[in-house]
Amino acid sequence: MGKGTKPEAKLSQWDALSLESLKTQGWTDEELITRVLEGNLPKDDSKFKFDYAGLAALAAEQAETFTQAVRDGYQIKYNTIRGIHSWILIVFGLEAELVLESGAEAVIASLSEEEASRLESVLSFGWTLNLQENDASAAEGKQLYKIVPVQG
């Protein structure tokens, strides 16, 4: 996937979060695809309490889309501020800052360039990822990014 290109597969935010949760199991892409298609899925004890039935239904109904999402990545159809925050937690294991002030909603996270690129590729239309200038608090090799709704 080239820089700035969006994957063709589109997933709902919940399916994307469910898929990312399963990716933490350490399975290969092929194992993950097979397990979801067979319904051979673990019980989720995280705070999200994922029920993977929706993901299994998607895989059964749209096998090509599901397989493409696992192998080549995906774009989320519609993000919410809390969904972006949860995605960063599940995928990168980072507790990002959530700003819920009306008119100034944002998610702020310290990300590597690779993490920022991956996040940018999944964000739905209407969201933008902005690098924050000169942030001394960012960890080694990471920079501070702010994810905000596009102002129309």
N, C-alpha and C. Protein backbone atom coordinates (compact mmCIF):
# COMPACT_ATOMS: atom_id res chain seq x y z
N MET A 1 0.85 -1.19 0.00
CA MET A 1 0.00 0.00 0.00
C MET A 1 0.89 1.23 0.00
N GLY A 2 0.73 2.06 -1.00
CA GLY A 2 1.54 3.27 -1.09
C GLY A 2 1.11 4.31 -0.10
N LYS A 3 2.00 5.24 0.18
CA LYS A 3 1.71 6.30 1.15
C LYS A 3 0.51 7.11 0.67
N GLY A 4 -0.44 7.31 1.55
CA GLY A 4 -1.60 8.14 1.24
C GLY A 4 -2.73 7.40 0.55
N THR A 5 -2.53 6.12 0.21
CA THR A 5 -3.62 5.39 -0.43
C THR A 5 -4.43 4.67 0.64
N LYS A 6 -5.72 4.61 0.40
CA LYS A 6 -6.62 3.95 1.34
C LYS A 6 -6.89 2.52 0.87
N PRO A 7 -6.98 1.58 1.78
CA PRO A 7 -7.32 0.21 1.39
C PRO A 7 -8.72 0.17 0.78
N GLU A 8 -8.96 -0.84 -0.05
CA GLU A 8 -10.27 -0.96 -0.69
C GLU A 8 -11.33 -1.50 0.25
N ALA A 9 -10.95 -2.42 1.15
CA ALA A 9 -11.92 -3.02 2.06
C ALA A 9 -12.39 -1.98 3.07
N LYS A 10 -13.69 -1.92 3.28
CA LYS A 10 -14.25 -0.98 4.25
C LYS A 10 -14.99 -1.78 5.32
N LEU A 11 -14.69 -1.46 6.58
CA LEU A 11 -15.32 -2.15 7.71
C LEU A 11 -16.03 -1.15 8.60
N SER A 12 -17.05 -1.62 9.30
CA SER A 12 -17.66 -0.78 10.32
C SER A 12 -16.63 -0.60 11.43
N GLN A 13 -16.79 0.42 12.21
CA GLN A 13 -15.85 0.67 13.31
C GLN A 13 -15.81 -0.53 14.25
N TRP A 14 -16.96 -1.10 14.58
CA TRP A 14 -17.01 -2.22 15.52
C TRP A 14 -16.33 -3.45 14.93
N ASP A 15 -16.55 -3.74 13.63
CA ASP A 15 -15.88 -4.88 13.00
C ASP A 15 -14.37 -4.67 12.99
N ALA A 16 -13.93 -3.43 12.74
CA ALA A 16 -12.49 -3.12 12.74
C ALA A 16 -11.90 -3.36 14.13
N LEU A 17 -12.59 -2.89 15.17
CA LEU A 17 -12.10 -3.08 16.54
C LEU A 17 -12.08 -4.58 16.89
N SER A 18 -13.11 -5.31 16.49
CA SER A 18 -13.16 -6.76 16.73
C SER A 18 -12.00 -7.46 16.03
N LEU A 19 -11.76 -7.09 14.78
CA LEU A 19 -10.66 -7.69 14.02
C LEU A 19 -9.32 -7.40 14.69
N GLU A 20 -9.11 -6.16 15.10
CA GLU A 20 -7.84 -5.80 15.74
C GLU A 20 -7.68 -6.54 17.06
N SER A 21 -8.77 -6.74 17.77
CA SER A 21 -8.72 -7.51 19.02
C SER A 21 -8.25 -8.94 18.74
N LEU A 22 -8.76 -9.55 17.67
CA LEU A 22 -8.35 -10.91 17.32
C LEU A 22 -6.90 -10.95 16.87
N LYS A 23 -6.42 -9.88 16.23
CA LYS A 23 -5.03 -9.86 15.78
C LYS A 23 -4.06 -9.93 16.96
N THR A 24 -4.51 -9.53 18.13
CA THR A 24 -3.63 -9.58 19.31
C THR A 24 -3.40 -11.02 19.78
N GLN A 25 -4.14 -11.99 19.22
CA GLN A 25 -3.98 -13.40 19.60
C GLN A 25 -2.68 -13.98 19.07
N GLY A 26 -2.04 -13.30 18.12
CA GLY A 26 -0.78 -13.78 17.57
C GLY A 26 -0.92 -14.78 16.44
N TRP A 27 -2.13 -14.92 15.89
CA TRP A 27 -2.35 -15.85 14.79
C TRP A 27 -1.82 -15.24 13.49
N THR A 28 -1.50 -16.12 12.53
CA THR A 28 -1.17 -15.64 11.19
C THR A 28 -2.47 -15.14 10.56
N ASP A 29 -2.34 -14.41 9.47
CA ASP A 29 -3.54 -13.94 8.76
C ASP A 29 -4.42 -15.11 8.36
N GLU A 30 -3.79 -16.18 7.86
CA GLU A 30 -4.56 -17.34 7.41
C GLU A 30 -5.28 -18.02 8.57
N GLU A 31 -4.61 -18.15 9.72
CA GLU A 31 -5.26 -18.75 10.90
C GLU A 31 -6.45 -17.89 11.33
N LEU A 32 -6.26 -16.58 11.33
CA LEU A 32 -7.33 -15.68 11.74
C LEU A 32 -8.53 -15.82 10.81
N ILE A 33 -8.28 -15.83 9.51
CA ILE A 33 -9.37 -15.95 8.52
C ILE A 33 -10.11 -17.27 8.73
N THR A 34 -9.36 -18.37 8.86
CA THR A 34 -9.97 -19.69 9.05
C THR A 34 -10.79 -19.75 10.33
N ARG A 35 -10.22 -19.26 11.42
CA ARG A 35 -10.93 -19.30 12.71
C ARG A 35 -12.24 -18.49 12.66
N VAL A 36 -12.20 -17.33 12.05
CA VAL A 36 -13.42 -16.51 11.98
C VAL A 36 -14.46 -17.20 11.09
N LEU A 37 -14.03 -17.72 9.95
CA LEU A 37 -14.98 -18.41 9.05
C LEU A 37 -15.59 -19.64 9.70
N GLU A 38 -14.81 -20.32 10.55
CA GLU A 38 -15.31 -21.52 11.24
C GLU A 38 -16.03 -21.18 12.55
N GLY A 39 -15.95 -19.92 12.98
CA GLY A 39 -16.57 -19.53 14.25
C GLY A 39 -15.79 -20.03 15.45
N ASN A 40 -14.53 -20.40 15.26
CA ASN A 40 -13.66 -20.92 16.31
C ASN A 40 -12.95 -19.74 16.98
N LEU A 41 -13.70 -19.02 17.82
CA LEU A 41 -13.20 -17.75 18.37
C LEU A 41 -13.18 -17.75 19.89
N PRO A 42 -12.22 -17.02 20.46
CA PRO A 42 -12.09 -16.98 21.92
C PRO A 42 -13.17 -16.11 22.56
N LYS A 43 -13.31 -16.24 23.86
CA LYS A 43 -14.17 -15.34 24.62
C LYS A 43 -13.31 -14.12 24.95
N ASP A 44 -13.86 -12.95 24.75
CA ASP A 44 -13.09 -11.73 25.00
C ASP A 44 -13.34 -11.25 26.43
N ASP A 45 -12.26 -11.18 27.19
CA ASP A 45 -12.37 -10.72 28.57
C ASP A 45 -11.88 -9.28 28.75
N SER A 46 -11.63 -8.59 27.64
CA SER A 46 -11.18 -7.20 27.74
C SER A 46 -12.35 -6.32 28.16
N LYS A 47 -12.06 -5.06 28.40
CA LYS A 47 -13.13 -4.13 28.79
C LYS A 47 -14.15 -3.94 27.67
N PHE A 48 -13.78 -4.34 26.45
CA PHE A 48 -14.69 -4.16 25.31
C PHE A 48 -15.71 -5.28 25.20
N LYS A 49 -15.40 -6.45 25.77
CA LYS A 49 -16.31 -7.61 25.73
C LYS A 49 -16.78 -7.90 24.31
N PHE A 50 -15.81 -8.01 23.39
CA PHE A 50 -16.17 -8.27 22.00
C PHE A 50 -16.91 -9.59 21.86
N ASP A 51 -17.99 -9.57 21.11
CA ASP A 51 -18.70 -10.77 20.70
C ASP A 51 -18.38 -10.85 19.20
N TYR A 52 -17.62 -11.83 18.82
CA TYR A 52 -17.12 -11.89 17.45
C TYR A 52 -18.14 -12.40 16.44
N ALA A 53 -19.40 -12.58 16.86
CA ALA A 53 -20.44 -13.07 15.96
C ALA A 53 -20.64 -12.13 14.77
N GLY A 54 -20.58 -10.84 15.02
CA GLY A 54 -20.76 -9.87 13.93
C GLY A 54 -19.65 -9.98 12.90
N LEU A 55 -18.44 -10.19 13.36
CA LEU A 55 -17.30 -10.35 12.47
C LEU A 55 -17.43 -11.66 11.69
N ALA A 56 -17.88 -12.71 12.36
CA ALA A 56 -18.09 -14.01 11.69
C ALA A 56 -19.17 -13.88 10.63
N ALA A 57 -20.23 -13.11 10.93
CA ALA A 57 -21.31 -12.90 9.95
C ALA A 57 -20.78 -12.13 8.74
N LEU A 58 -19.98 -11.11 8.99
CA LEU A 58 -19.37 -10.35 7.90
C LEU A 58 -18.52 -11.28 7.04
N ALA A 59 -17.70 -12.12 7.67
CA ALA A 59 -16.82 -13.03 6.93
C ALA A 59 -17.63 -14.01 6.10
N ALA A 60 -18.76 -14.48 6.63
CA ALA A 60 -19.61 -15.42 5.90
C ALA A 60 -20.30 -14.74 4.72
N GLU A 61 -20.79 -13.52 4.93
CA GLU A 61 -21.55 -12.81 3.91
C GLU A 61 -20.66 -12.12 2.88
N GLN A 62 -19.50 -11.64 3.32
CA GLN A 62 -18.62 -10.89 2.44
C GLN A 62 -17.19 -11.40 2.62
N ALA A 63 -16.98 -12.66 2.26
CA ALA A 63 -15.69 -13.31 2.48
C ALA A 63 -14.54 -12.55 1.83
N GLU A 64 -14.75 -12.04 0.63
CA GLU A 64 -13.68 -11.34 -0.08
C GLU A 64 -13.29 -10.06 0.66
N THR A 65 -14.28 -9.30 1.10
CA THR A 65 -14.01 -8.06 1.84
C THR A 65 -13.28 -8.37 3.14
N PHE A 66 -13.75 -9.39 3.86
CA PHE A 66 -13.13 -9.76 5.13
C PHE A 66 -11.68 -10.19 4.92
N THR A 67 -11.46 -11.07 3.95
CA THR A 67 -10.11 -11.57 3.67
C THR A 67 -9.18 -10.44 3.27
N GLN A 68 -9.69 -9.55 2.43
CA GLN A 68 -8.90 -8.39 2.00
C GLN A 68 -8.55 -7.50 3.20
N ALA A 69 -9.50 -7.31 4.10
CA ALA A 69 -9.26 -6.48 5.29
C ALA A 69 -8.15 -7.07 6.16
N VAL A 70 -8.16 -8.39 6.31
CA VAL A 70 -7.14 -9.05 7.13
C VAL A 70 -5.77 -8.96 6.45
N ARG A 71 -5.73 -9.27 5.17
CA ARG A 71 -4.44 -9.36 4.47
C ARG A 71 -3.88 -8.00 4.06
N ASP A 72 -4.74 -7.10 3.59
CA ASP A 72 -4.26 -5.85 2.97
C ASP A 72 -4.64 -4.59 3.74
N GLY A 73 -5.37 -4.74 4.84
CA GLY A 73 -5.80 -3.57 5.59
C GLY A 73 -7.19 -3.14 5.16
N TYR A 74 -7.69 -2.12 5.81
CA TYR A 74 -9.06 -1.67 5.60
C TYR A 74 -9.17 -0.19 5.94
N GLN A 75 -10.28 0.37 5.56
CA GLN A 75 -10.63 1.72 6.01
C GLN A 75 -11.93 1.59 6.78
N ILE A 76 -12.04 2.34 7.84
CA ILE A 76 -13.27 2.33 8.63
C ILE A 76 -14.30 3.21 7.92
N LYS A 77 -15.54 2.70 7.83
CA LYS A 77 -16.59 3.44 7.12
C LYS A 77 -16.94 4.74 7.81
N TYR A 78 -17.05 4.68 9.13
CA TYR A 78 -17.43 5.88 9.89
C TYR A 78 -16.81 5.79 11.28
N ASN A 79 -15.92 6.74 11.58
CA ASN A 79 -15.29 6.77 12.90
C ASN A 79 -16.03 7.68 13.86
N THR A 80 -15.98 7.33 15.13
CA THR A 80 -16.39 8.24 16.20
C THR A 80 -15.13 8.57 16.99
N ILE A 81 -15.18 9.62 17.75
CA ILE A 81 -14.03 10.04 18.55
C ILE A 81 -13.63 8.94 19.53
N ARG A 82 -14.60 8.34 20.18
CA ARG A 82 -14.30 7.27 21.14
C ARG A 82 -13.81 6.01 20.42
N GLY A 83 -14.30 5.78 19.22
CA GLY A 83 -13.86 4.63 18.43
C GLY A 83 -12.39 4.76 18.03
N ILE A 84 -11.98 5.95 17.65
CA ILE A 84 -10.57 6.20 17.31
C ILE A 84 -9.70 5.96 18.54
N HIS A 85 -10.14 6.48 19.69
CA HIS A 85 -9.43 6.29 20.95
C HIS A 85 -9.29 4.79 21.26
N SER A 86 -10.36 4.03 21.09
CA SER A 86 -10.33 2.58 21.36
C SER A 86 -9.41 1.86 20.37
N TRP A 87 -9.45 2.26 19.10
CA TRP A 87 -8.61 1.63 18.08
C TRP A 87 -7.14 1.78 18.44
N ILE A 88 -6.74 2.97 18.85
CA ILE A 88 -5.35 3.23 19.24
C ILE A 88 -4.96 2.35 20.44
N LEU A 89 -5.87 2.19 21.39
CA LEU A 89 -5.60 1.36 22.56
C LEU A 89 -5.43 -0.11 22.16
N ILE A 90 -6.33 -0.62 21.33
CA ILE A 90 -6.28 -2.03 20.94
C ILE A 90 -5.07 -2.32 20.05
N VAL A 91 -4.84 -1.48 19.06
CA VAL A 91 -3.81 -1.75 18.06
C VAL A 91 -2.40 -1.46 18.58
N PHE A 92 -2.23 -0.34 19.24
CA PHE A 92 -0.89 0.08 19.67
C PHE A 92 -0.65 -0.09 21.17
N GLY A 93 -1.71 -0.40 21.91
CA GLY A 93 -1.56 -0.54 23.36
C GLY A 93 -1.29 0.80 24.03
N LEU A 94 -1.76 1.88 23.40
CA LEU A 94 -1.52 3.23 23.93
C LEU A 94 -2.80 3.86 24.45
N GLU A 95 -2.71 4.46 25.59
CA GLU A 95 -3.84 5.20 26.16
C GLU A 95 -3.72 6.64 25.68
N ALA A 96 -4.42 6.95 24.60
CA ALA A 96 -4.38 8.30 24.04
C ALA A 96 -5.23 9.25 24.88
N GLU A 97 -5.00 10.54 24.70
CA GLU A 97 -5.81 11.54 25.40
C GLU A 97 -7.07 11.79 24.59
N LEU A 98 -8.20 11.81 25.27
CA LEU A 98 -9.49 12.03 24.64
C LEU A 98 -9.99 13.41 25.04
N VAL A 99 -10.20 14.28 24.05
CA VAL A 99 -10.70 15.63 24.31
C VAL A 99 -12.13 15.69 23.80
N LEU A 100 -13.08 15.88 24.73
CA LEU A 100 -14.50 15.85 24.35
C LEU A 100 -15.18 17.22 24.41
N GLU A 101 -14.40 18.27 24.49
CA GLU A 101 -14.95 19.62 24.54
C GLU A 101 -15.66 19.94 23.23
N SER A 102 -16.90 20.34 23.31
CA SER A 102 -17.70 20.62 22.12
C SER A 102 -17.00 21.61 21.20
N GLY A 103 -16.88 21.21 19.93
CA GLY A 103 -16.23 22.07 18.95
C GLY A 103 -14.72 21.91 18.91
N ALA A 104 -14.15 21.20 19.89
CA ALA A 104 -12.71 21.01 19.93
C ALA A 104 -12.37 19.54 20.18
N GLU A 105 -13.28 18.63 19.76
CA GLU A 105 -13.07 17.21 19.99
C GLU A 105 -11.79 16.75 19.31
N ALA A 106 -11.04 15.89 20.00
CA ALA A 106 -9.79 15.38 19.43
C ALA A 106 -9.32 14.16 20.20
N VAL A 107 -8.47 13.39 19.55
CA VAL A 107 -7.72 12.33 20.20
C VAL A 107 -6.26 12.72 20.01
N ILE A 108 -5.49 12.71 21.08
CA ILE A 108 -4.09 13.10 21.02
C ILE A 108 -3.25 11.91 21.44
N ALA A 109 -2.29 11.53 20.59
CA ALA A 109 -1.48 10.35 20.86
C ALA A 109 -0.05 10.55 20.40
N SER A 110 0.87 9.93 21.13
CA SER A 110 2.28 9.94 20.78
C SER A 110 2.53 8.68 19.94
N LEU A 111 2.81 8.87 18.65
CA LEU A 111 2.92 7.76 17.71
C LEU A 111 4.22 7.81 16.92
N SER A 112 4.69 6.64 16.53
CA SER A 112 5.83 6.59 15.61
C SER A 112 5.29 6.94 14.22
N GLU A 113 6.19 7.18 13.29
CA GLU A 113 5.76 7.50 11.92
C GLU A 113 4.97 6.34 11.32
N GLU A 114 5.41 5.11 11.60
CA GLU A 114 4.72 3.92 11.10
C GLU A 114 3.31 3.80 11.70
N GLU A 115 3.20 4.03 13.00
CA GLU A 115 1.88 3.98 13.66
C GLU A 115 0.96 5.05 13.10
N ALA A 116 1.49 6.26 12.92
CA ALA A 116 0.69 7.36 12.38
C ALA A 116 0.19 7.03 10.97
N SER A 117 1.06 6.43 10.17
CA SER A 117 0.70 6.06 8.81
C SER A 117 -0.41 5.00 8.82
N ARG A 118 -0.28 4.02 9.71
CA ARG A 118 -1.31 2.96 9.80
C ARG A 118 -2.65 3.56 10.25
N LEU A 119 -2.62 4.41 11.26
CA LEU A 119 -3.84 5.04 11.74
C LEU A 119 -4.48 5.87 10.64
N GLU A 120 -3.68 6.66 9.95
CA GLU A 120 -4.21 7.51 8.88
C GLU A 120 -4.89 6.68 7.79
N SER A 121 -4.36 5.49 7.52
CA SER A 121 -4.93 4.64 6.46
C SER A 121 -6.30 4.09 6.83
N VAL A 122 -6.61 3.96 8.13
CA VAL A 122 -7.91 3.40 8.52
C VAL A 122 -8.96 4.46 8.81
N LEU A 123 -8.55 5.70 9.04
CA LEU A 123 -9.51 6.75 9.39
C LEU A 123 -10.55 6.95 8.30
N SER A 124 -11.79 7.12 8.71
CA SER A 124 -12.86 7.36 7.74
C SER A 124 -12.80 8.79 7.23
N PHE A 125 -13.55 9.01 6.16
CA PHE A 125 -13.69 10.36 5.61
C PHE A 125 -14.19 11.27 6.73
N GLY A 126 -13.67 12.47 6.80
CA GLY A 126 -14.14 13.42 7.81
C GLY A 126 -13.20 13.57 9.00
N TRP A 127 -12.11 12.79 9.01
CA TRP A 127 -11.13 12.87 10.10
C TRP A 127 -9.76 13.15 9.52
N THR A 128 -8.95 13.88 10.25
CA THR A 128 -7.60 14.17 9.80
C THR A 128 -6.61 13.98 10.95
N LEU A 129 -5.40 13.60 10.58
CA LEU A 129 -4.32 13.35 11.54
C LEU A 129 -3.31 14.46 11.37
N ASN A 130 -3.08 15.24 12.41
CA ASN A 130 -2.16 16.38 12.34
C ASN A 130 -0.98 16.19 13.28
N LEU A 131 0.22 16.33 12.72
CA LEU A 131 1.43 16.30 13.52
C LEU A 131 1.52 17.60 14.29
N GLN A 132 1.77 17.48 15.60
CA GLN A 132 1.89 18.67 16.44
C GLN A 132 3.35 19.12 16.44
N GLU A 133 3.57 20.40 16.30
CA GLU A 133 4.93 20.94 16.19
C GLU A 133 5.69 20.94 17.51
N ASN A 134 6.96 20.63 17.44
CA ASN A 134 7.91 20.77 18.55
C ASN A 134 7.39 20.31 19.90
N ASP A 135 7.02 19.06 19.99
CA ASP A 135 6.56 18.55 21.28
C ASP A 135 7.69 17.82 21.99
N ALA A 136 8.19 18.40 23.03
CA ALA A 136 9.32 17.84 23.77
C ALA A 136 8.91 16.63 24.62
N SER A 137 7.62 16.47 24.88
CA SER A 137 7.17 15.39 25.75
C SER A 137 7.03 14.05 25.01
N ALA A 138 7.11 14.07 23.69
CA ALA A 138 6.94 12.83 22.93
C ALA A 138 8.10 11.87 23.23
N ALA A 139 7.79 10.60 23.30
CA ALA A 139 8.80 9.57 23.60
C ALA A 139 9.78 9.44 22.44
N GLU A 140 10.89 8.82 22.73
CA GLU A 140 11.94 8.58 21.73
C GLU A 140 11.36 7.94 20.47
N GLY A 141 11.61 8.56 19.31
CA GLY A 141 11.14 8.01 18.05
C GLY A 141 9.66 8.23 17.79
N LYS A 142 9.00 8.94 18.67
CA LYS A 142 7.56 9.19 18.50
C LYS A 142 7.30 10.68 18.49
N GLN A 143 6.21 11.05 17.87
CA GLN A 143 5.79 12.44 17.83
C GLN A 143 4.33 12.53 18.23
N LEU A 144 3.94 13.71 18.64
CA LEU A 144 2.56 13.91 19.08
C LEU A 144 1.67 14.22 17.88
N TYR A 145 0.57 13.48 17.78
CA TYR A 145 -0.40 13.68 16.71
C TYR A 145 -1.75 13.99 17.33
N LYS A 146 -2.51 14.79 16.61
CA LYS A 146 -3.86 15.14 17.03
C LYS A 146 -4.81 14.70 15.92
N ILE A 147 -5.78 13.87 16.28
CA ILE A 147 -6.78 13.39 15.32
C ILE A 147 -8.04 14.20 15.57
N VAL A 148 -8.48 14.90 14.56
CA VAL A 148 -9.62 15.82 14.71
C VAL A 148 -10.58 15.68 13.53
N PRO A 149 -11.86 16.07 13.76
CA PRO A 149 -12.79 16.10 12.64
C PRO A 149 -12.36 17.18 11.64
N VAL A 150 -12.54 16.91 10.37
CA VAL A 150 -12.25 17.91 9.35
C VAL A 150 -13.25 19.04 9.51
N GLN A 151 -12.75 20.24 9.56
CA GLN A 151 -13.62 21.42 9.70
C GLN A 151 -14.12 21.83 8.31
N GLY A 152 -15.45 21.80 8.13
CA GLY A 152 -16.01 22.10 6.82
C GLY A 152 -16.41 23.48 6.78
